[in-house]
Amino acid sequence: MLTGRQMGKSSLRVQTARRLQAENTACSLVDITGIGTAEITPLHWYAGFTATLANSFKIKMNVRNWWREREHLPPVLRLNEFIEQVLLPAIVRSSFLSAKLTAFSPSTSPSTSPARALIAKVRR
């Protein structure tokens, strides 16, 4: 969202994150202006953004080593690979564990398996 200063962007961002989290949707608030300025290279910007995502989703890994192991790829492809191969699987694992913990709760219908609920959530 792009608009002028003092137009409610931060409030809208926080409200949206709260709604998503209330629906058990994984989300993160990332201020991309905090990652770097005009003096930063694209390589460092993408690496910083990747590290910020890993930290905000509490992914336990050495992002610096992971990033360096893929130096044959351009930065945007490294970010894409991180999202597809690290971030999304970590979110799905976390969601599955949460669903598994509530599988035998009295409020869970026996006809609704946690795996089906998770698949439906991921598909949305």
Foldseek 3Di string as FASTA:
>chain_A
DDDDPPPCPVVVVVVVVVVCVVVVHDDFDDDLPVQDDPPDDPQSSLLSVLVVLCVRVVPDDDSVVLSVVVPVDPSVVSSVCCVVPPVVVVSLVVQLVVLVVCQPPPVDDVVDHSVNVSVVVVVD
